[in-house]
Amino acid sequence: MDFPVSLILPHRINLKVMAEEKHHITSYKTYTLILVLLISLTFLSVAITQIELSRWATVAALLLAGVKSTFVLLIFMHLKFDQRIFRIMAGLILLLVIVVIIFTMLDFLFR
C-alpha cells in the first residue's frame, strides 16, 4: 500500500516538504533555565502541600501543574516554534481538559 501522497490528499492542501521547513535549534542555556524553573515549581508545589489551604490546595496544585506543562509543551516539545495548527490543536485539547476538570470539581463540590 505505497501510494503517493498526491493521490491520497487533495491538490488544494499546501504541503510543505520537510527539506523546506525551517529548523529551530534551542540553546542549552534555554533548556537549563527551563529545567531550573520546572524544578523550582516542583519544590513550590511540594511546599504548598505543607500549608493548610483546604479547598484551595487542589486549585493551587492544578495551576502549578498547568504552568509546568505549558513550559514543557512550548520549549521541550518545540510547540513554540512549530506551525500554528499544532498550537491550535494543543489549545483545544487543553480547553477540553479544563472543561473536564471543572465538571469533576462541580460534581465533587455539590455531592
PDB file of N, CA and C in Angstrom:
ATOM      1  N   MET A   1       0.823  -1.176   0.000  1.00  0.00           N
ATOM      2  CA  MET A   1       0.000   0.000   0.000  1.00  0.00           C
ATOM      3  C   MET A   1       0.872   1.246   0.000  1.00  0.00           C
ATOM      4  N   ASP A   2       1.688   1.375  -0.965  1.00  0.00           N
ATOM      5  CA  ASP A   2       2.594   2.522  -1.029  1.00  0.00           C
ATOM      6  C   ASP A   2       2.085   3.496  -2.083  1.00  0.00           C
ATOM      7  N   PHE A   3       1.079   4.310  -1.687  1.00  0.00           N
ATOM      8  CA  PHE A   3       0.518   5.290  -2.584  1.00  0.00           C
ATOM      9  C   PHE A   3       1.259   6.604  -2.433  1.00  0.00           C
ATOM     10  N   PRO A   4       1.438   7.337  -3.526  1.00  0.00           N
ATOM     11  CA  PRO A   4       1.999   8.673  -3.386  1.00  0.00           C
ATOM     12  C   PRO A   4       1.011   9.581  -2.648  1.00  0.00           C
ATOM     13  N   VAL A   5       1.535  10.535  -1.915  1.00  0.00           N
ATOM     14  CA  VAL A   5       0.700  11.433  -1.122  1.00  0.00           C
ATOM     15  C   VAL A   5      -0.231  12.229  -2.019  1.00  0.00           C
ATOM     16  N   SER A   6       0.200  12.567  -3.215  1.00  0.00           N
ATOM     17  CA  SER A   6      -0.626  13.391  -4.108  1.00  0.00           C
ATOM     18  C   SER A   6      -1.896  12.667  -4.547  1.00  0.00           C
ATOM     19  N   LEU A   7      -1.901  11.337  -4.538  1.00  0.00           N
ATOM     20  CA  LEU A   7      -3.111  10.605  -4.888  1.00  0.00           C
ATOM     21  C   LEU A   7      -4.118  10.591  -3.742  1.00  0.00           C
ATOM     22  N   ILE A   8      -3.630  10.596  -2.523  1.00  0.00           N
ATOM     23  CA  ILE A   8      -4.499  10.484  -1.360  1.00  0.00           C
ATOM     24  C   ILE A   8      -5.055  11.840  -0.952  1.00  0.00           C
ATOM     25  N   LEU A   9      -4.207  12.851  -0.921  1.00  0.00           N
ATOM     26  CA  LEU A   9      -4.615  14.172  -0.468  1.00  0.00           C
ATOM     27  C   LEU A   9      -5.037  15.041  -1.638  1.00  0.00           C
ATOM     28  N   PRO A  10      -6.027  15.911  -1.413  1.00  0.00           N
ATOM     29  CA  PRO A  10      -6.421  16.826  -2.493  1.00  0.00           C
ATOM     30  C   PRO A  10      -5.294  17.801  -2.828  1.00  0.00           C
ATOM     31  N   HIS A  11      -5.331  18.308  -4.041  1.00  0.00           N
ATOM     32  CA  HIS A  11      -4.268  19.202  -4.508  1.00  0.00           C
ATOM     33  C   HIS A  11      -4.345  20.589  -3.879  1.00  0.00           C
ATOM     34  N   ARG A  12      -5.479  20.947  -3.292  1.00  0.00           N
ATOM     35  CA  ARG A  12      -5.597  22.288  -2.712  1.00  0.00           C
ATOM     36  C   ARG A  12      -4.900  22.416  -1.361  1.00  0.00           C
ATOM     37  N   ILE A  13      -4.499  21.302  -0.766  1.00  0.00           N
ATOM     38  CA  ILE A  13      -3.776  21.363   0.505  1.00  0.00           C
ATOM     39  C   ILE A  13      -2.321  21.730   0.211  1.00  0.00           C
ATOM     40  N   ASN A  14      -1.834  22.738   0.884  1.00  0.00           N
ATOM     41  CA  ASN A  14      -0.464  23.190   0.689  1.00  0.00           C
ATOM     42  C   ASN A  14       0.458  22.391   1.606  1.00  0.00           C
ATOM     43  N   LEU A  15       1.146  21.416   1.032  1.00  0.00           N
ATOM     44  CA  LEU A  15       2.048  20.579   1.818  1.00  0.00           C
ATOM     45  C   LEU A  15       3.460  21.144   1.767  1.00  0.00           C
ATOM     46  N   LYS A  16       4.087  21.198   2.914  1.00  0.00           N
ATOM     47  CA  LYS A  16       5.474  21.642   2.967  1.00  0.00           C
ATOM     48  C   LYS A  16       6.390  20.416   2.914  1.00  0.00           C
ATOM     49  N   VAL A  17       7.407  20.524   2.152  1.00  0.00           N
ATOM     50  CA  VAL A  17       8.399  19.466   2.099  1.00  0.00           C
ATOM     51  C   VAL A  17       9.297  19.614   3.311  1.00  0.00           C
ATOM     52  N   MET A  18       9.675  18.501   3.916  1.00  0.00           N
ATOM     53  CA  MET A  18      10.484  18.556   5.129  1.00  0.00           C
ATOM     54  C   MET A  18      11.782  19.325   4.925  1.00  0.00           C
ATOM     55  N   ALA A  19      12.337  19.254   3.736  1.00  0.00           N
ATOM     56  CA  ALA A  19      13.597  19.952   3.487  1.00  0.00           C
ATOM     57  C   ALA A  19      13.415  21.466   3.460  1.00  0.00           C
ATOM     58  N   GLU A  20      12.203  21.917   3.157  1.00  0.00           N
ATOM     59  CA  GLU A  20      11.956  23.354   3.074  1.00  0.00           C
ATOM     60  C   GLU A  20      11.617  23.981   4.415  1.00  0.00           C
ATOM     61  N   GLU A  21      11.278  23.177   5.409  1.00  0.00           N
ATOM     62  CA  GLU A  21      10.900  23.716   6.707  1.00  0.00           C
ATOM     63  C   GLU A  21      12.109  24.268   7.441  1.00  0.00           C
ATOM     64  N   LYS A  22      11.855  25.333   8.185  1.00  0.00           N
ATOM     65  CA  LYS A  22      12.924  25.921   8.984  1.00  0.00           C
ATOM     66  C   LYS A  22      13.043  25.151  10.294  1.00  0.00           C
ATOM     67  N   HIS A  23      14.255  24.854  10.671  1.00  0.00           N
ATOM     68  CA  HIS A  23      14.500  24.149  11.929  1.00  0.00           C
ATOM     69  C   HIS A  23      15.026  25.150  12.941  1.00  0.00           C
ATOM     70  N   HIS A  24      14.419  25.108  14.115  1.00  0.00           N
ATOM     71  CA  HIS A  24      14.867  25.999  15.180  1.00  0.00           C
ATOM     72  C   HIS A  24      15.666  25.183  16.183  1.00  0.00           C
ATOM     73  N   ILE A  25      16.815  25.665  16.513  1.00  0.00           N
ATOM     74  CA  ILE A  25      17.660  24.999  17.489  1.00  0.00           C
ATOM     75  C   ILE A  25      17.621  25.811  18.773  1.00  0.00           C
ATOM     76  N   THR A  26      17.163  25.173  19.839  1.00  0.00           N
ATOM     77  CA  THR A  26      17.089  25.827  21.137  1.00  0.00           C
ATOM     78  C   THR A  26      18.422  25.637  21.848  1.00  0.00           C
ATOM     79  N   SER A  27      18.888  26.700  22.472  1.00  0.00           N
ATOM     80  CA  SER A  27      20.197  26.645  23.127  1.00  0.00           C
ATOM     81  C   SER A  27      20.129  25.850  24.425  1.00  0.00           C
ATOM     82  N   TYR A  28      21.294  25.371  24.856  1.00  0.00           N
ATOM     83  CA  TYR A  28      21.390  24.652  26.117  1.00  0.00           C
ATOM     84  C   TYR A  28      21.056  25.568  27.293  1.00  0.00           C
ATOM     85  N   LYS A  29      21.340  26.851  27.136  1.00  0.00           N
ATOM     86  CA  LYS A  29      21.035  27.820  28.191  1.00  0.00           C
ATOM     87  C   LYS A  29      19.529  27.880  28.435  1.00  0.00           C
ATOM     88  N   THR A  30      18.751  27.893  27.358  1.00  0.00           N
ATOM     89  CA  THR A  30      17.300  27.923  27.496  1.00  0.00           C
ATOM     90  C   THR A  30      16.786  26.655  28.153  1.00  0.00           C
ATOM     91  N   TYR A  31      17.305  25.506  27.714  1.00  0.00           N
ATOM     92  CA  TYR A  31      16.905  24.244  28.326  1.00  0.00           C
ATOM     93  C   TYR A  31      17.248  24.209  29.809  1.00  0.00           C
ATOM     94  N   THR A  32      18.411  24.710  30.158  1.00  0.00           N
ATOM     95  CA  THR A  32      18.831  24.717  31.556  1.00  0.00           C
ATOM     96  C   THR A  32      17.949  25.643  32.383  1.00  0.00           C
ATOM     97  N   LEU A  33      17.622  26.824  31.852  1.00  0.00           N
ATOM     98  CA  LEU A  33      16.746  27.744  32.572  1.00  0.00           C
ATOM     99  C   LEU A  33      15.353  27.149  32.785  1.00  0.00           C
ATOM    100  N   ILE A  34      14.822  26.503  31.782  1.00  0.00           N
ATOM    101  CA  ILE A  34      13.508  25.879  31.914  1.00  0.00           C
ATOM    102  C   ILE A  34      13.570  24.723  32.900  1.00  0.00           C
ATOM    103  N   LEU A  35      14.650  23.968  32.888  1.00  0.00           N
ATOM    104  CA  LEU A  35      14.814  22.875  33.841  1.00  0.00           C
ATOM    105  C   LEU A  35      14.839  23.399  35.277  1.00  0.00           C
ATOM    106  N   VAL A  36      15.598  24.465  35.505  1.00  0.00           N
ATOM    107  CA  VAL A  36      15.664  25.064  36.844  1.00  0.00           C
ATOM    108  C   VAL A  36      14.286  25.592  37.247  1.00  0.00           C
ATOM    109  N   LEU A  37      13.580  26.207  36.319  1.00  0.00           N
ATOM    110  CA  LEU A  37      12.243  26.712  36.598  1.00  0.00           C
ATOM    111  C   LEU A  37      11.288  25.573  36.942  1.00  0.00           C
ATOM    112  N   LEU A  38      11.340  24.475  36.196  1.00  0.00           N
ATOM    113  CA  LEU A  38      10.471  23.339  36.478  1.00  0.00           C
ATOM    114  C   LEU A  38      10.777  22.709  37.832  1.00  0.00           C
ATOM    115  N   ILE A  39      12.057  22.603  38.165  1.00  0.00           N
ATOM    116  CA  ILE A  39      12.424  22.063  39.477  1.00  0.00           C
ATOM    117  C   ILE A  39      11.957  22.994  40.589  1.00  0.00           C
ATOM    118  N   SER A  40      12.097  24.297  40.381  1.00  0.00           N
ATOM    119  CA  SER A  40      11.633  25.267  41.383  1.00  0.00           C
ATOM    120  C   SER A  40      10.125  25.183  41.575  1.00  0.00           C
ATOM    121  N   LEU A  41       9.392  25.064  40.477  1.00  0.00           N
ATOM    122  CA  LEU A  41       7.940  24.940  40.589  1.00  0.00           C
ATOM    123  C   LEU A  41       7.538  23.629  41.263  1.00  0.00           C
ATOM    124  N   THR A  42       8.317  22.576  41.067  1.00  0.00           N
ATOM    125  CA  THR A  42       8.043  21.317  41.755  1.00  0.00           C
ATOM    126  C   THR A  42       8.245  21.474  43.256  1.00  0.00           C
ATOM    127  N   PHE A  43       9.334  22.134  43.655  1.00  0.00           N
ATOM    128  CA  PHE A  43       9.551  22.389  45.082  1.00  0.00           C
ATOM    129  C   PHE A  43       8.435  23.269  45.648  1.00  0.00           C
ATOM    130  N   LEU A  44       7.977  24.238  44.870  1.00  0.00           N
ATOM    131  CA  LEU A  44       6.887  25.099  45.313  1.00  0.00           C
ATOM    132  C   LEU A  44       5.594  24.302  45.500  1.00  0.00           C
ATOM    133  N   SER A  45       5.318  23.385  44.590  1.00  0.00           N
ATOM    134  CA  SER A  45       4.105  22.571  44.729  1.00  0.00           C
ATOM    135  C   SER A  45       4.191  21.643  45.936  1.00  0.00           C
ATOM    136  N   VAL A  46       5.381  21.144  46.247  1.00  0.00           N
ATOM    137  CA  VAL A  46       5.558  20.330  47.457  1.00  0.00           C
ATOM    138  C   VAL A  46       5.392  21.205  48.700  1.00  0.00           C
ATOM    139  N   ALA A  47       5.917  22.431  48.658  1.00  0.00           N
ATOM    140  CA  ALA A  47       5.792  23.341  49.805  1.00  0.00           C
ATOM    141  C   ALA A  47       4.343  23.737  50.038  1.00  0.00           C
ATOM    142  N   ILE A  48       3.567  23.863  48.978  1.00  0.00           N
ATOM    143  CA  ILE A  48       2.161  24.246  49.122  1.00  0.00           C
ATOM    144  C   ILE A  48       1.371  23.148  49.826  1.00  0.00           C
ATOM    145  N   THR A  49       1.777  21.894  49.646  1.00  0.00           N
ATOM    146  CA  THR A  49       1.060  20.811  50.322  1.00  0.00           C
ATOM    147  C   THR A  49       1.258  20.860  51.834  1.00  0.00           C
ATOM    148  N   GLN A  50       2.300  21.521  52.295  1.00  0.00           N
ATOM    149  CA  GLN A  50       2.552  21.634  53.733  1.00  0.00           C
ATOM    150  C   GLN A  50       1.713  22.726  54.378  1.00  0.00           C
ATOM    151  N   ILE A  51       1.132  23.605  53.585  1.00  0.00           N
ATOM    152  CA  ILE A  51       0.305  24.704  54.086  1.00  0.00           C
ATOM    153  C   ILE A  51      -1.153  24.255  54.057  1.00  0.00           C
ATOM    154  N   GLU A  52      -1.889  24.565  55.092  1.00  0.00           N
ATOM    155  CA  GLU A  52      -3.312  24.214  55.141  1.00  0.00           C
ATOM    156  C   GLU A  52      -4.120  25.210  54.307  1.00  0.00           C
ATOM    157  N   LEU A  53      -4.521  24.783  53.110  1.00  0.00           N
ATOM    158  CA  LEU A  53      -5.285  25.643  52.207  1.00  0.00           C
ATOM    159  C   LEU A  53      -6.695  25.120  51.961  1.00  0.00           C
ATOM    160  N   SER A  54      -7.045  24.025  52.582  1.00  0.00           N
ATOM    161  CA  SER A  54      -8.338  23.348  52.442  1.00  0.00           C
ATOM    162  C   SER A  54      -8.672  23.125  50.964  1.00  0.00           C
ATOM    163  N   ARG A  55      -9.727  23.752  50.474  1.00  0.00           N
ATOM    164  CA  ARG A  55     -10.146  23.537  49.078  1.00  0.00           C
ATOM    165  C   ARG A  55      -9.183  24.153  48.076  1.00  0.00           C
ATOM    166  N   TRP A  56      -8.475  25.178  48.484  1.00  0.00           N
ATOM    167  CA  TRP A  56      -7.597  25.884  47.555  1.00  0.00           C
ATOM    168  C   TRP A  56      -6.317  25.109  47.247  1.00  0.00           C
ATOM    169  N   ALA A  57      -6.017  24.076  48.008  1.00  0.00           N
ATOM    170  CA  ALA A  57      -4.815  23.276  47.747  1.00  0.00           C
ATOM    171  C   ALA A  57      -4.908  22.596  46.383  1.00  0.00           C
ATOM    172  N   THR A  58      -6.083  22.088  46.066  1.00  0.00           N
ATOM    173  CA  THR A  58      -6.273  21.428  44.768  1.00  0.00           C
ATOM    174  C   THR A  58      -6.161  22.435  43.630  1.00  0.00           C
ATOM    175  N   VAL A  59      -6.743  23.603  43.814  1.00  0.00           N
ATOM    176  CA  VAL A  59      -6.678  24.642  42.786  1.00  0.00           C
ATOM    177  C   VAL A  59      -5.232  25.079  42.570  1.00  0.00           C
ATOM    178  N   ALA A  60      -4.488  25.279  43.657  1.00  0.00           N
ATOM    179  CA  ALA A  60      -3.083  25.684  43.545  1.00  0.00           C
ATOM    180  C   ALA A  60      -2.252  24.608  42.860  1.00  0.00           C
ATOM    181  N   ALA A  61      -2.496  23.351  43.215  1.00  0.00           N
ATOM    182  CA  ALA A  61      -1.757  22.247  42.592  1.00  0.00           C
ATOM    183  C   ALA A  61      -2.047  22.160  41.099  1.00  0.00           C
ATOM    184  N   LEU A  62      -3.314  22.345  40.718  1.00  0.00           N
ATOM    185  CA  LEU A  62      -3.666  22.299  39.301  1.00  0.00           C
ATOM    186  C   LEU A  62      -3.078  23.477  38.525  1.00  0.00           C
ATOM    187  N   LEU A  63      -3.060  24.652  39.145  1.00  0.00           N
ATOM    188  CA  LEU A  63      -2.460  25.814  38.475  1.00  0.00           C
ATOM    189  C   LEU A  63      -0.964  25.618  38.258  1.00  0.00           C
ATOM    190  N   LEU A  64      -0.276  25.132  39.278  1.00  0.00           N
ATOM    191  CA  LEU A  64       1.162  24.883  39.114  1.00  0.00           C
ATOM    192  C   LEU A  64       1.425  23.796  38.072  1.00  0.00           C
ATOM    193  N   ALA A  65       0.614  22.758  38.072  1.00  0.00           N
ATOM    194  CA  ALA A  65       0.773  21.705  37.064  1.00  0.00           C
ATOM    195  C   ALA A  65       0.517  22.245  35.663  1.00  0.00           C
ATOM    196  N   GLY A  66      -0.443  23.150  35.544  1.00  0.00           N
ATOM    197  CA  GLY A  66      -0.715  23.765  34.246  1.00  0.00           C
ATOM    198  C   GLY A  66       0.430  24.622  33.751  1.00  0.00           C
ATOM    199  N   VAL A  67       1.033  25.388  34.668  1.00  0.00           N
ATOM    200  CA  VAL A  67       2.184  26.227  34.295  1.00  0.00           C
ATOM    201  C   VAL A  67       3.358  25.353  33.874  1.00  0.00           C
ATOM    202  N   LYS A  68       3.615  24.294  34.635  1.00  0.00           N
ATOM    203  CA  LYS A  68       4.731  23.408  34.292  1.00  0.00           C
ATOM    204  C   LYS A  68       4.502  22.711  32.948  1.00  0.00           C
ATOM    205  N   SER A  69       3.277  22.252  32.720  1.00  0.00           N
ATOM    206  CA  SER A  69       3.006  21.582  31.447  1.00  0.00           C
ATOM    207  C   SER A  69       3.086  22.545  30.270  1.00  0.00           C
ATOM    208  N   THR A  70       2.747  23.815  30.498  1.00  0.00           N
ATOM    209  CA  THR A  70       2.877  24.810  29.431  1.00  0.00           C
ATOM    210  C   THR A  70       4.330  24.990  29.026  1.00  0.00           C
ATOM    211  N   PHE A  71       5.220  25.072  30.000  1.00  0.00           N
ATOM    212  CA  PHE A  71       6.645  25.192  29.678  1.00  0.00           C
ATOM    213  C   PHE A  71       7.155  23.958  28.948  1.00  0.00           C
ATOM    214  N   VAL A  72       6.717  22.786  29.370  1.00  0.00           N
ATOM    215  CA  VAL A  72       7.160  21.556  28.696  1.00  0.00           C
ATOM    216  C   VAL A  72       6.653  21.532  27.260  1.00  0.00           C
ATOM    217  N   LEU A  73       5.376  21.894  27.061  1.00  0.00           N
ATOM    218  CA  LEU A  73       4.817  21.912  25.704  1.00  0.00           C
ATOM    219  C   LEU A  73       5.525  22.916  24.812  1.00  0.00           C
ATOM    220  N   LEU A  74       5.740  24.120  25.319  1.00  0.00           N
ATOM    221  CA  LEU A  74       6.312  25.171  24.484  1.00  0.00           C
ATOM    222  C   LEU A  74       7.784  24.951  24.174  1.00  0.00           C
ATOM    223  N   ILE A  75       8.562  24.588  25.160  1.00  0.00           N
ATOM    224  CA  ILE A  75      10.016  24.531  24.966  1.00  0.00           C
ATOM    225  C   ILE A  75      10.487  23.126  24.610  1.00  0.00           C
ATOM    226  N   PHE A  76      10.206  22.142  25.466  1.00  0.00           N
ATOM    227  CA  PHE A  76      10.757  20.805  25.232  1.00  0.00           C
ATOM    228  C   PHE A  76      10.099  20.092  24.061  1.00  0.00           C
ATOM    229  N   MET A  77       8.822  20.364  23.821  1.00  0.00           N
ATOM    230  CA  MET A  77       8.147  19.743  22.685  1.00  0.00           C
ATOM    231  C   MET A  77       8.124  20.654  21.463  1.00  0.00           C
ATOM    232  N   HIS A  78       8.803  21.790  21.532  1.00  0.00           N
ATOM    233  CA  HIS A  78       9.011  22.731  20.427  1.00  0.00           C
ATOM    234  C   HIS A  78       7.706  23.274  19.837  1.00  0.00           C
ATOM    235  N   LEU A  79       6.658  23.326  20.634  1.00  0.00           N
ATOM    236  CA  LEU A  79       5.395  23.855  20.145  1.00  0.00           C
ATOM    237  C   LEU A  79       5.485  25.354  19.885  1.00  0.00           C
ATOM    238  N   LYS A  80       6.379  26.020  20.580  1.00  0.00           N
ATOM    239  CA  LYS A  80       6.571  27.460  20.400  1.00  0.00           C
ATOM    240  C   LYS A  80       7.049  27.792  18.988  1.00  0.00           C
ATOM    241  N   PHE A  81       7.820  26.901  18.402  1.00  0.00           N
ATOM    242  CA  PHE A  81       8.423  27.162  17.098  1.00  0.00           C
ATOM    243  C   PHE A  81       7.748  26.376  15.970  1.00  0.00           C
ATOM    244  N   ASP A  82       6.661  25.681  16.284  1.00  0.00           N
ATOM    245  CA  ASP A  82       6.008  24.833  15.302  1.00  0.00           C
ATOM    246  C   ASP A  82       4.924  25.598  14.547  1.00  0.00           C
ATOM    247  N   GLN A  83       4.261  24.915  13.638  1.00  0.00           N
ATOM    248  CA  GLN A  83       3.210  25.545  12.846  1.00  0.00           C
ATOM    249  C   GLN A  83       2.022  25.908  13.726  1.00  0.00           C
ATOM    250  N   ARG A  84       1.256  26.867  13.293  1.00  0.00           N
ATOM    251  CA  ARG A  84       0.145  27.409  14.071  1.00  0.00           C
ATOM    252  C   ARG A  84      -0.936  26.365  14.334  1.00  0.00           C
ATOM    253  N   ILE A  85      -1.168  25.458  13.405  1.00  0.00           N
ATOM    254  CA  ILE A  85      -2.227  24.463  13.563  1.00  0.00           C
ATOM    255  C   ILE A  85      -1.959  23.565  14.766  1.00  0.00           C
ATOM    256  N   PHE A  86      -0.687  23.278  15.049  1.00  0.00           N
ATOM    257  CA  PHE A  86      -0.362  22.434  16.195  1.00  0.00           C
ATOM    258  C   PHE A  86      -0.652  23.156  17.502  1.00  0.00           C
ATOM    259  N   ARG A  87      -0.398  24.465  17.531  1.00  0.00           N
ATOM    260  CA  ARG A  87      -0.728  25.253  18.727  1.00  0.00           C
ATOM    261  C   ARG A  87      -2.232  25.316  18.938  1.00  0.00           C
ATOM    262  N   ILE A  88      -2.982  25.441  17.855  1.00  0.00           N
ATOM    263  CA  ILE A  88      -4.441  25.473  17.956  1.00  0.00           C
ATOM    264  C   ILE A  88      -4.965  24.145  18.480  1.00  0.00           C
ATOM    265  N   MET A  89      -4.455  23.056  17.953  1.00  0.00           N
ATOM    266  CA  MET A  89      -4.907  21.737  18.399  1.00  0.00           C
ATOM    267  C   MET A  89      -4.557  21.497  19.870  1.00  0.00           C
ATOM    268  N   ALA A  90      -3.353  21.882  20.276  1.00  0.00           N
ATOM    269  CA  ALA A  90      -2.965  21.727  21.683  1.00  0.00           C
ATOM    270  C   ALA A  90      -3.843  22.598  22.577  1.00  0.00           C
ATOM    271  N   GLY A  91      -4.191  23.788  22.125  1.00  0.00           N
ATOM    272  CA  GLY A  91      -5.075  24.658  22.890  1.00  0.00           C
ATOM    273  C   GLY A  91      -6.464  24.078  23.038  1.00  0.00           C
ATOM    274  N   LEU A  92      -6.986  23.467  21.971  1.00  0.00           N
ATOM    275  CA  LEU A  92      -8.309  22.845  22.041  1.00  0.00           C
ATOM    276  C   LEU A  92      -8.312  21.650  22.991  1.00  0.00           C
ATOM    277  N   ILE A  93      -7.244  20.877  22.973  1.00  0.00           N
ATOM    278  CA  ILE A  93      -7.145  19.746  23.892  1.00  0.00           C
ATOM    279  C   ILE A  93      -7.046  20.246  25.326  1.00  0.00           C
ATOM    280  N   LEU A  94      -6.287  21.306  25.542  1.00  0.00           N
ATOM    281  CA  LEU A  94      -6.176  21.895  26.877  1.00  0.00           C
ATOM    282  C   LEU A  94      -7.524  22.422  27.347  1.00  0.00           C
ATOM    283  N   LEU A  95      -8.273  23.033  26.447  1.00  0.00           N
ATOM    284  CA  LEU A  95      -9.608  23.515  26.790  1.00  0.00           C
ATOM    285  C   LEU A  95     -10.522  22.357  27.191  1.00  0.00           C
ATOM    286  N   LEU A  96     -10.426  21.248  26.487  1.00  0.00           N
ATOM    287  CA  LEU A  96     -11.221  20.075  26.831  1.00  0.00           C
ATOM    288  C   LEU A  96     -10.847  19.547  28.213  1.00  0.00           C
ATOM    289  N   VAL A  97      -9.561  19.510  28.519  1.00  0.00           N
ATOM    290  CA  VAL A  97      -9.110  19.051  29.840  1.00  0.00           C
ATOM    291  C   VAL A  97      -9.632  19.980  30.932  1.00  0.00           C
ATOM    292  N   ILE A  98      -9.594  21.277  30.693  1.00  0.00           N
ATOM    293  CA  ILE A  98     -10.093  22.242  31.677  1.00  0.00           C
ATOM    294  C   ILE A  98     -11.586  22.049  31.909  1.00  0.00           C
ATOM    295  N   VAL A  99     -12.348  21.823  30.857  1.00  0.00           N
ATOM    296  CA  VAL A  99     -13.788  21.600  30.997  1.00  0.00           C
ATOM    297  C   VAL A  99     -14.053  20.332  31.804  1.00  0.00           C
ATOM    298  N   VAL A 100     -13.322  19.273  31.536  1.00  0.00           N
ATOM    299  CA  VAL A 100     -13.497  18.021  32.279  1.00  0.00           C
ATOM    300  C   VAL A 100     -13.149  18.228  33.755  1.00  0.00           C
ATOM    301  N   ILE A 101     -12.076  18.963  34.033  1.00  0.00           N
ATOM    302  CA  ILE A 101     -11.699  19.218  35.422  1.00  0.00           C
ATOM    303  C   ILE A 101     -12.766  20.062  36.123  1.00  0.00           C
ATOM    304  N   ILE A 102     -13.309  21.053  35.440  1.00  0.00           N
ATOM    305  CA  ILE A 102     -14.359  21.889  36.040  1.00  0.00           C
ATOM    306  C   ILE A 102     -15.597  21.050  36.349  1.00  0.00           C
ATOM    307  N   PHE A 103     -16.009  20.208  35.417  1.00  0.00           N
ATOM    308  CA  PHE A 103     -17.168  19.350  35.683  1.00  0.00           C
ATOM    309  C   PHE A 103     -16.898  18.391  36.841  1.00  0.00           C
ATOM    310  N   THR A 104     -15.690  17.875  36.917  1.00  0.00           N
ATOM    311  CA  THR A 104     -15.345  16.986  38.022  1.00  0.00           C
ATOM    312  C   THR A 104     -15.380  17.724  39.348  1.00  0.00           C
ATOM    313  N   MET A 105     -14.845  18.932  39.380  1.00  0.00           N
ATOM    314  CA  MET A 105     -14.863  19.732  40.619  1.00  0.00           C
ATOM    315  C   MET A 105     -16.293  20.087  41.019  1.00  0.00           C
ATOM    316  N   LEU A 106     -17.119  20.457  40.054  1.00  0.00           N
ATOM    317  CA  LEU A 106     -18.515  20.765  40.370  1.00  0.00           C
ATOM    318  C   LEU A 106     -19.243  19.537  40.917  1.00  0.00           C
ATOM    319  N   ASP A 107     -18.989  18.391  40.340  1.00  0.00           N
ATOM    320  CA  ASP A 107     -19.597  17.159  40.834  1.00  0.00           C
ATOM    321  C   ASP A 107     -19.119  16.876  42.265  1.00  0.00           C
ATOM    322  N   PHE A 108     -17.856  17.091  42.525  1.00  0.00           N
ATOM    323  CA  PHE A 108     -17.292  16.847  43.857  1.00  0.00           C
ATOM    324  C   PHE A 108     -17.853  17.832  44.886  1.00  0.00           C
ATOM    325  N   LEU A 109     -17.989  19.082  44.513  1.00  0.00           N
ATOM    326  CA  LEU A 109     -18.440  20.117  45.458  1.00  0.00           C
ATOM    327  C   LEU A 109     -19.924  19.996  45.807  1.00  0.00           C
ATOM    328  N   PHE A 110     -20.750  19.544  44.870  1.00  0.00           N
ATOM    329  CA  PHE A 110     -22.195  19.532  45.105  1.00  0.00           C
ATOM    330  C   PHE A 110     -22.752  18.138  45.414  1.00  0.00           C
ATOM    331  N   ARG A 111     -21.935  17.269  45.931  1.00  0.00           N
ATOM    332  CA  ARG A 111     -22.427  15.959  46.369  1.00  0.00           C
ATOM    333  C   ARG A 111     -22.841  16.013  47.801  1.00  0.00           C
TER     334      ARG A 111
END
